[in-house]
PDB file of N, CA and C in Angstrom:
ATOM      1  N   MET A   1     -17.359 -90.337  10.479  1.00  0.00           N
ATOM      2  CA  MET A   1     -15.912 -90.313  10.626  1.00  0.00           C
ATOM      3  C   MET A   1     -15.287 -91.425   9.782  1.00  0.00           C
ATOM      4  N   GLN A   2     -15.928 -92.565   9.715  1.00  0.00           N
ATOM      5  CA  GLN A   2     -15.354 -93.691   8.981  1.00  0.00           C
ATOM      6  C   GLN A   2     -15.242 -93.405   7.493  1.00  0.00           C
ATOM      7  N   LYS A   3     -16.096 -92.572   6.960  1.00  0.00           N
ATOM      8  CA  LYS A   3     -16.088 -92.289   5.521  1.00  0.00           C
ATOM      9  C   LYS A   3     -15.333 -91.013   5.166  1.00  0.00           C
ATOM     10  N   SER A   4     -14.757 -90.368   6.145  1.00  0.00           N
ATOM     11  CA  SER A   4     -14.032 -89.127   5.911  1.00  0.00           C
ATOM     12  C   SER A   4     -12.926 -89.351   4.890  1.00  0.00           C
ATOM     13  N   PRO A   5     -12.735 -88.480   3.949  1.00  0.00           N
ATOM     14  CA  PRO A   5     -13.335 -87.171   3.751  1.00  0.00           C
ATOM     15  C   PRO A   5     -14.536 -87.165   2.812  1.00  0.00           C
ATOM     16  N   GLU A   6     -15.151 -88.314   2.556  1.00  0.00           N
ATOM     17  CA  GLU A   6     -16.302 -88.380   1.660  1.00  0.00           C
ATOM     18  C   GLU A   6     -17.520 -87.667   2.254  1.00  0.00           C
ATOM     19  N   VAL A   7     -18.404 -87.213   1.377  1.00  0.00           N
ATOM     20  CA  VAL A   7     -19.672 -86.629   1.806  1.00  0.00           C
ATOM     21  C   VAL A   7     -20.645 -87.771   2.094  1.00  0.00           C
ATOM     22  N   VAL A   8     -21.336 -87.686   3.224  1.00  0.00           N
ATOM     23  CA  VAL A   8     -22.304 -88.701   3.624  1.00  0.00           C
ATOM     24  C   VAL A   8     -23.686 -88.056   3.630  1.00  0.00           C
ATOM     25  N   SER A   9     -24.625 -88.691   2.985  1.00  0.00           N
ATOM     26  CA  SER A   9     -25.969 -88.121   2.863  1.00  0.00           C
ATOM     27  C   SER A   9     -26.756 -88.257   4.161  1.00  0.00           C
ATOM     28  N   ARG A  10     -27.790 -87.460   4.260  1.00  0.00           N
ATOM     29  CA  ARG A  10     -28.713 -87.516   5.396  1.00  0.00           C
ATOM     30  C   ARG A  10     -29.281 -88.929   5.536  1.00  0.00           C
ATOM     31  N   GLU A  11     -29.680 -89.529   4.419  1.00  0.00           N
ATOM     32  CA  GLU A  11     -30.267 -90.861   4.437  1.00  0.00           C
ATOM     33  C   GLU A  11     -29.292 -91.899   4.976  1.00  0.00           C
ATOM     34  N   GLU A  12     -28.028 -91.805   4.564  1.00  0.00           N
ATOM     35  CA  GLU A  12     -27.016 -92.751   5.053  1.00  0.00           C
ATOM     36  C   GLU A  12     -26.843 -92.631   6.566  1.00  0.00           C
ATOM     37  N   ILE A  13     -26.777 -91.409   7.055  1.00  0.00           N
ATOM     38  CA  ILE A  13     -26.596 -91.187   8.489  1.00  0.00           C
ATOM     39  C   ILE A  13     -27.818 -91.682   9.259  1.00  0.00           C
ATOM     40  N   GLU A  14     -29.014 -91.331   8.787  1.00  0.00           N
ATOM     41  CA  GLU A  14     -30.239 -91.766   9.474  1.00  0.00           C
ATOM     42  C   GLU A  14     -30.366 -93.285   9.473  1.00  0.00           C
ATOM     43  N   ASP A  15     -30.017 -93.933   8.363  1.00  0.00           N
ATOM     44  CA  ASP A  15     -30.068 -95.394   8.313  1.00  0.00           C
ATOM     45  C   ASP A  15     -29.110 -96.004   9.332  1.00  0.00           C
ATOM     46  N   GLU A  16     -27.925 -95.436   9.440  1.00  0.00           N
ATOM     47  CA  GLU A  16     -26.923 -95.956  10.370  1.00  0.00           C
ATOM     48  C   GLU A  16     -27.360 -95.778  11.826  1.00  0.00           C
ATOM     49  N   ILE A  17     -27.978 -94.648  12.127  1.00  0.00           N
ATOM     50  CA  ILE A  17     -28.374 -94.354  13.507  1.00  0.00           C
ATOM     51  C   ILE A  17     -29.695 -95.021  13.871  1.00  0.00           C
ATOM     52  N   TRP A  18     -30.731 -94.801  13.055  1.00  0.00           N
ATOM     53  CA  TRP A  18     -32.080 -95.239  13.416  1.00  0.00           C
ATOM     54  C   TRP A  18     -32.590 -96.423  12.602  1.00  0.00           C
ATOM     55  N   GLY A  19     -31.873 -96.825  11.581  1.00  0.00           N
ATOM     56  CA  GLY A  19     -32.335 -97.932  10.742  1.00  0.00           C
ATOM     57  C   GLY A  19     -33.649 -97.587  10.070  1.00  0.00           C
ATOM     58  N   PHE A  20     -34.558 -98.529  10.054  1.00  0.00           N
ATOM     59  CA  PHE A  20     -35.842 -98.307   9.401  1.00  0.00           C
ATOM     60  C   PHE A  20     -36.841 -97.610  10.309  1.00  0.00           C
ATOM     61  N   GLN A  21     -36.471 -97.377  11.554  1.00  0.00           N
ATOM     62  CA  GLN A  21     -37.358 -96.710  12.510  1.00  0.00           C
ATOM     63  C   GLN A  21     -37.002 -95.221  12.594  1.00  0.00           C
ATOM     64  N   ARG A  22     -37.150 -94.545  11.498  1.00  0.00           N
ATOM     65  CA  ARG A  22     -36.823 -93.122  11.447  1.00  0.00           C
ATOM     66  C   ARG A  22     -37.690 -92.344  12.424  1.00  0.00           C
ATOM     67  N   VAL A  23     -37.101 -91.329  13.012  1.00  0.00           N
ATOM     68  CA  VAL A  23     -37.848 -90.481  13.937  1.00  0.00           C
ATOM     69  C   VAL A  23     -38.412 -89.286  13.191  1.00  0.00           C
ATOM     70  N   ALA A  24     -39.508 -88.769  13.692  1.00  0.00           N
ATOM     71  CA  ALA A  24     -40.145 -87.609  13.067  1.00  0.00           C
ATOM     72  C   ALA A  24     -39.361 -86.348  13.401  1.00  0.00           C
ATOM     73  N   GLY A  25     -39.539 -85.340  12.589  1.00  0.00           N
ATOM     74  CA  GLY A  25     -38.900 -84.058  12.865  1.00  0.00           C
ATOM     75  C   GLY A  25     -37.490 -83.985  12.309  1.00  0.00           C
ATOM     76  N   ASP A  26     -36.749 -83.050  12.840  1.00  0.00           N
ATOM     77  CA  ASP A  26     -35.404 -82.793  12.327  1.00  0.00           C
ATOM     78  C   ASP A  26     -34.356 -83.120  13.387  1.00  0.00           C
ATOM     79  N   ASN A  27     -34.465 -84.315  13.968  1.00  0.00           N
ATOM     80  CA  ASN A  27     -33.547 -84.720  15.025  1.00  0.00           C
ATOM     81  C   ASN A  27     -32.098 -84.800  14.569  1.00  0.00           C
ATOM     82  N   LEU A  28     -31.866 -85.223  13.343  1.00  0.00           N
ATOM     83  CA  LEU A  28     -30.491 -85.343  12.864  1.00  0.00           C
ATOM     84  C   LEU A  28     -29.796 -83.989  12.878  1.00  0.00           C
ATOM     85  N   ARG A  29     -30.484 -82.969  12.412  1.00  0.00           N
ATOM     86  CA  ARG A  29     -29.892 -81.626  12.391  1.00  0.00           C
ATOM     87  C   ARG A  29     -29.547 -81.162  13.812  1.00  0.00           C
ATOM     88  N   ALA A  30     -30.415 -81.461  14.765  1.00  0.00           N
ATOM     89  CA  ALA A  30     -30.155 -81.093  16.163  1.00  0.00           C
ATOM     90  C   ALA A  30     -28.929 -81.830  16.705  1.00  0.00           C
ATOM     91  N   HIS A  31     -28.805 -83.097  16.369  1.00  0.00           N
ATOM     92  CA  HIS A  31     -27.648 -83.878  16.816  1.00  0.00           C
ATOM     93  C   HIS A  31     -26.358 -83.355  16.188  1.00  0.00           C
ATOM     94  N   ILE A  32     -26.400 -83.045  14.906  1.00  0.00           N
ATOM     95  CA  ILE A  32     -25.206 -82.526  14.242  1.00  0.00           C
ATOM     96  C   ILE A  32     -24.807 -81.185  14.851  1.00  0.00           C
ATOM     97  N   TYR A  33     -25.772 -80.361  15.203  1.00  0.00           N
ATOM     98  CA  TYR A  33     -25.480 -79.090  15.865  1.00  0.00           C
ATOM     99  C   TYR A  33     -24.709 -79.341  17.171  1.00  0.00           C
ATOM    100  N   GLN A  34     -25.159 -80.296  17.968  1.00  0.00           N
ATOM    101  CA  GLN A  34     -24.498 -80.614  19.232  1.00  0.00           C
ATOM    102  C   GLN A  34     -23.093 -81.176  18.995  1.00  0.00           C
ATOM    103  N   ILE A  35     -22.951 -82.019  17.991  1.00  0.00           N
ATOM    104  CA  ILE A  35     -21.641 -82.594  17.673  1.00  0.00           C
ATOM    105  C   ILE A  35     -20.676 -81.501  17.224  1.00  0.00           C
ATOM    106  N   ARG A  36     -21.161 -80.565  16.408  1.00  0.00           N
ATOM    107  CA  ARG A  36     -20.314 -79.455  15.950  1.00  0.00           C
ATOM    108  C   ARG A  36     -19.762 -78.656  17.133  1.00  0.00           C
ATOM    109  N   LYS A  37     -20.599 -78.435  18.141  1.00  0.00           N
ATOM    110  CA  LYS A  37     -20.167 -77.658  19.300  1.00  0.00           C
ATOM    111  C   LYS A  37     -18.980 -78.317  19.996  1.00  0.00           C
ATOM    112  N   ILE A  38     -18.893 -79.636  19.934  1.00  0.00           N
ATOM    113  CA  ILE A  38     -17.796 -80.361  20.587  1.00  0.00           C
ATOM    114  C   ILE A  38     -16.613 -80.543  19.636  1.00  0.00           C
ATOM    115  N   VAL A  39     -16.877 -81.036  18.448  1.00  0.00           N
ATOM    116  CA  VAL A  39     -15.811 -81.390  17.511  1.00  0.00           C
ATOM    117  C   VAL A  39     -15.118 -80.162  16.934  1.00  0.00           C
ATOM    118  N   ASP A  40     -15.876 -79.157  16.548  1.00  0.00           N
ATOM    119  CA  ASP A  40     -15.302 -77.994  15.872  1.00  0.00           C
ATOM    120  C   ASP A  40     -14.704 -76.960  16.824  1.00  0.00           C
ATOM    121  N   LYS A  41     -15.072 -77.007  18.075  1.00  0.00           N
ATOM    122  CA  LYS A  41     -14.679 -75.965  19.032  1.00  0.00           C
ATOM    123  C   LYS A  41     -13.173 -75.690  19.082  1.00  0.00           C
ATOM    124  N   PRO A  42     -12.300 -76.702  19.160  1.00  0.00           N
ATOM    125  CA  PRO A  42     -10.879 -76.401  19.316  1.00  0.00           C
ATOM    126  C   PRO A  42     -10.165 -75.938  18.039  1.00  0.00           C
ATOM    127  N   PHE A  43     -10.848 -75.883  16.921  1.00  0.00           N
ATOM    128  CA  PHE A  43     -10.200 -75.568  15.651  1.00  0.00           C
ATOM    129  C   PHE A  43     -10.626 -74.211  15.102  1.00  0.00           C
ATOM    130  N   GLU A  44      -9.706 -73.568  14.391  1.00  0.00           N
ATOM    131  CA  GLU A  44     -10.024 -72.283  13.763  1.00  0.00           C
ATOM    132  C   GLU A  44     -11.071 -72.464  12.670  1.00  0.00           C
ATOM    133  N   GLU A  45     -10.910 -73.509  11.874  1.00  0.00           N
ATOM    134  CA  GLU A  45     -11.872 -73.817  10.819  1.00  0.00           C
ATOM    135  C   GLU A  45     -12.618 -75.086  11.208  1.00  0.00           C
ATOM    136  N   PRO A  46     -13.924 -75.125  11.012  1.00  0.00           N
ATOM    137  CA  PRO A  46     -14.696 -76.308  11.393  1.00  0.00           C
ATOM    138  C   PRO A  46     -14.276 -77.550  10.598  1.00  0.00           C
ATOM    139  N   LEU A  47     -14.331 -78.694  11.247  1.00  0.00           N
ATOM    140  CA  LEU A  47     -14.033 -79.961  10.578  1.00  0.00           C
ATOM    141  C   LEU A  47     -15.264 -80.545   9.912  1.00  0.00           C
ATOM    142  N   ILE A  48     -16.438 -80.270  10.474  1.00  0.00           N
ATOM    143  CA  ILE A  48     -17.682 -80.789   9.903  1.00  0.00           C
ATOM    144  C   ILE A  48     -18.167 -79.797   8.859  1.00  0.00           C
ATOM    145  N   GLU A  49     -18.238 -80.280   7.644  1.00  0.00           N
ATOM    146  CA  GLU A  49     -18.601 -79.429   6.510  1.00  0.00           C
ATOM    147  C   GLU A  49     -19.974 -79.825   5.998  1.00  0.00           C
ATOM    148  N   THR A  50     -20.852 -78.853   5.841  1.00  0.00           N
ATOM    149  CA  THR A  50     -22.172 -79.097   5.263  1.00  0.00           C
ATOM    150  C   THR A  50     -22.077 -78.902   3.755  1.00  0.00           C
ATOM    151  N   ARG A  51     -22.525 -79.889   3.021  1.00  0.00           N
ATOM    152  CA  ARG A  51     -22.595 -79.780   1.566  1.00  0.00           C
ATOM    153  C   ARG A  51     -24.073 -79.732   1.216  1.00  0.00           C
ATOM    154  N   HIS A  52     -24.599 -78.511   1.065  1.00  0.00           N
ATOM    155  CA  HIS A  52     -26.033 -78.312   0.829  1.00  0.00           C
ATOM    156  C   HIS A  52     -26.507 -79.136  -0.364  1.00  0.00           C
ATOM    157  N   GLY A  53     -27.575 -79.870  -0.131  1.00  0.00           N
ATOM    158  CA  GLY A  53     -28.140 -80.724  -1.163  1.00  0.00           C
ATOM    159  C   GLY A  53     -27.491 -82.092  -1.252  1.00  0.00           C
ATOM    160  N   PHE A  54     -26.397 -82.317  -0.492  1.00  0.00           N
ATOM    161  CA  PHE A  54     -25.691 -83.594  -0.556  1.00  0.00           C
ATOM    162  C   PHE A  54     -25.592 -84.272   0.807  1.00  0.00           C
ATOM    163  N   GLY A  55     -25.122 -83.545   1.824  1.00  0.00           N
ATOM    164  CA  GLY A  55     -24.955 -84.142   3.148  1.00  0.00           C
ATOM    165  C   GLY A  55     -23.859 -83.442   3.934  1.00  0.00           C
ATOM    166  N   TRP A  56     -23.101 -84.235   4.695  1.00  0.00           N
ATOM    167  CA  TRP A  56     -22.047 -83.691   5.548  1.00  0.00           C
ATOM    168  C   TRP A  56     -20.767 -84.471   5.325  1.00  0.00           C
ATOM    169  N   ALA A  57     -19.648 -83.815   5.634  1.00  0.00           N
ATOM    170  CA  ALA A  57     -18.346 -84.470   5.562  1.00  0.00           C
ATOM    171  C   ALA A  57     -17.500 -83.988   6.727  1.00  0.00           C
ATOM    172  N   VAL A  58     -16.598 -84.847   7.172  1.00  0.00           N
ATOM    173  CA  VAL A  58     -15.613 -84.456   8.176  1.00  0.00           C
ATOM    174  C   VAL A  58     -14.311 -84.351   7.420  1.00  0.00           C
ATOM    175  N   ARG A  59     -13.769 -83.125   7.366  1.00  0.00           N
ATOM    176  CA  ARG A  59     -12.583 -82.890   6.544  1.00  0.00           C
ATOM    177  C   ARG A  59     -11.597 -81.982   7.242  1.00  0.00           C
ATOM    178  N   ALA A  60     -10.353 -82.356   7.145  1.00  0.00           N
ATOM    179  CA  ALA A  60      -9.274 -81.470   7.578  1.00  0.00           C
ATOM    180  C   ALA A  60      -9.076 -80.416   6.497  1.00  0.00           C
ATOM    181  N   LYS A  61      -8.406 -79.356   6.845  1.00  0.00           N
ATOM    182  CA  LYS A  61      -8.199 -78.249   5.907  1.00  0.00           C
ATOM    183  C   LYS A  61      -7.613 -78.725   4.581  1.00  0.00           C
ATOM    184  N   GLU A  62      -6.643 -79.623   4.630  1.00  0.00           N
ATOM    185  CA  GLU A  62      -6.003 -80.101   3.389  1.00  0.00           C
ATOM    186  C   GLU A  62      -6.922 -80.974   2.539  1.00  0.00           C
ATOM    187  N   ASP A  63      -8.036 -81.475   3.099  1.00  0.00           N
ATOM    188  CA  ASP A  63      -8.981 -82.304   2.353  1.00  0.00           C
ATOM    189  C   ASP A  63     -10.074 -81.493   1.668  1.00  0.00           C
ATOM    190  N   ARG A  64     -10.187 -80.222   2.008  1.00  0.00           N
ATOM    191  CA  ARG A  64     -11.293 -79.395   1.499  1.00  0.00           C
ATOM    192  C   ARG A  64     -11.099 -79.040   0.046  1.00  0.00           C
ATOM    193  N   GLU A  65     -12.249 -79.015  -0.661  1.00  0.00           N
ATOM    194  CA  GLU A  65     -12.246 -78.588  -2.068  1.00  0.00           C
ATOM    195  C   GLU A  65     -12.456 -77.088  -2.080  1.00  0.00           C
ATOM    196  N   GLU A  66     -11.628 -76.393  -2.712  1.00  0.00           N
ATOM    197  CA  GLU A  66     -11.742 -74.917  -2.783  1.00  0.00           C
ATOM    198  C   GLU A  66     -12.429 -74.504  -4.041  1.00  0.00           C
TER     199      GLU A  66
END
């Protein structure tokens, strides 16, 4: 949220959450799925945007690149 509307990489998010003690598996993806269910639910268009190969961004409709 602090870097919105910039794209934040998986590595940046994992470093912020787990630091150097990374967890095995795909826990970040599971957490983002749970966050999407809460954050995106009240909106017609999702606020959390996946940028394949880059990371994720939180963007309002007017911030999106078309």
